[in-house]
Protein backbone atom coordinates (compact mmCIF):
# COMPACT_ATOMS: atom_id res chain seq x y z
CA MET A 1 6.61 28.25 23.41
CA ALA A 2 7.62 27.84 20.10
CA LYS A 3 4.95 26.82 18.54
CA THR A 4 5.84 23.44 16.12
CA PRO A 5 5.34 23.79 12.53
CA LYS A 6 3.17 21.63 10.34
CA THR A 7 4.00 18.81 8.26
CA LYS A 8 2.34 17.82 5.48
CA THR A 9 1.34 13.73 5.70
CA ALA A 10 0.40 11.69 3.43
CA PRO A 11 -2.84 9.99 2.93
CA PRO A 12 -3.08 6.21 4.79
CA ILE A 13 -2.61 3.84 2.56
CA ASP A 14 -6.16 1.99 2.63
CA GLU A 15 -7.65 5.70 1.07
CA THR A 16 -5.04 5.57 -1.40
CA LEU A 17 -5.51 2.42 -2.52
CA ARG A 18 -9.69 2.33 -2.74
CA ALA A 19 -9.38 5.29 -4.87
CA ALA A 20 -6.78 4.04 -7.07
CA LEU A 21 -9.15 0.77 -7.31
CA ARG A 22 -12.14 2.62 -8.11
CA ALA A 23 -10.40 5.16 -10.48
CA THR A 24 -9.61 1.66 -12.83
CA ASP A 25 -11.14 0.83 -15.34
CA GLU A 26 -10.32 -2.66 -15.00
CA THR A 27 -12.65 -5.41 -13.33
CA ASP A 28 -11.99 -6.80 -9.79
CA TYR A 29 -11.33 -10.10 -11.97
CA ALA A 30 -9.07 -8.72 -14.31
CA LEU A 31 -7.04 -6.92 -11.48
CA GLY A 32 -7.19 -9.66 -8.69
CA LYS A 33 -6.07 -12.42 -11.51
CA ARG A 34 -3.03 -10.46 -12.47
CA ALA A 35 -2.48 -9.20 -8.51
CA GLY A 36 -3.19 -12.66 -7.48
CA VAL A 37 -6.06 -11.95 -4.91
CA SER A 38 -9.44 -12.67 -4.82
CA PRO A 39 -11.81 -10.54 -6.84
CA GLY A 40 -14.27 -10.96 -3.65
CA MET A 41 -11.18 -9.91 -1.47
CA ILE A 42 -11.16 -6.89 -3.77
CA ALA A 43 -14.43 -5.73 -3.73
CA ARG A 44 -15.15 -6.08 0.09
CA PHE A 45 -11.96 -3.78 0.77
CA VAL A 46 -13.06 -1.63 -1.43
CA SER A 47 -16.76 -1.29 -0.19
CA GLY A 48 -15.12 -0.73 3.44
CA GLU A 49 -16.17 -4.60 4.42
CA ARG A 50 -12.29 -5.48 5.30
CA ASP A 51 -8.84 -4.73 5.04
CA LEU A 52 -6.18 -5.97 3.78
CA ARG A 53 -2.63 -7.05 4.87
CA LEU A 54 0.37 -5.21 3.91
CA ALA A 55 1.86 -7.65 1.45
CA THR A 56 -1.75 -7.95 -0.21
CA ALA A 57 -2.06 -4.54 -0.66
CA ALA A 58 1.53 -4.12 -2.29
CA ARG A 59 0.22 -6.78 -4.08
CA LEU A 60 -2.38 -5.00 -5.69
CA ALA A 61 -0.65 -1.57 -5.51
CA GLY A 62 2.09 -3.04 -8.17
CA ALA A 63 -0.85 -4.42 -10.44
CA LEU A 64 -1.99 -1.05 -10.63
CA GLY A 65 1.61 0.51 -11.00
CA LEU A 66 1.71 1.79 -7.89
CA ALA A 67 4.58 1.51 -5.32
CA LEU A 68 4.04 1.92 -1.52
CA VAL A 69 6.64 4.07 -0.12
CA PRO A 70 7.72 5.21 3.37
CA THR A 71 6.63 9.04 3.70
CA ASP A 72 8.43 9.80 6.54
CA ALA A 73 10.39 7.32 9.59
CA PRO A 74 10.45 7.16 12.99
CA PRO A 75 13.96 9.18 14.29
CA GLY A 76 16.96 7.40 14.16
CA ALA A 77 15.87 4.83 11.35
CA PRO A 78 17.68 3.97 8.71
CA SER A 79 16.78 5.90 5.57
CA ARG A 80 16.80 2.48 3.28
CA PRO A 81 16.37 -0.59 4.65
CA ALA A 82 19.71 -2.59 5.91
CA LYS A 83 20.21 -5.52 2.92
CA ARG A 84 20.03 -9.09 4.27
CA LYS A 85 22.58 -11.63 4.22
CA ALA A 86 21.47 -14.40 2.14
CA ALA A 87 21.54 -17.73 4.27
CA GLY A 88 25.03 -19.57 4.78
CA LYS A 89 26.87 -16.88 3.87
């Protein structure tokens, strides 16, 4: 039986985002104001008391100069999301 090659996977989004939040010199208040997220939510997320919705994680990542990008996809998934048609067109 052939061995399945091990693939390198990216760390989970929450771990990466927590590390980036801990590494910044910016206060939770200043970052929250730029990202449109409450400072208390940021503090509770960093401490592990709560999780974030994906949209909130994306706003925080953007405020930190990061981007959420897929590193792998299920077989048969398109490599790029399909463009959505505007309503009424």
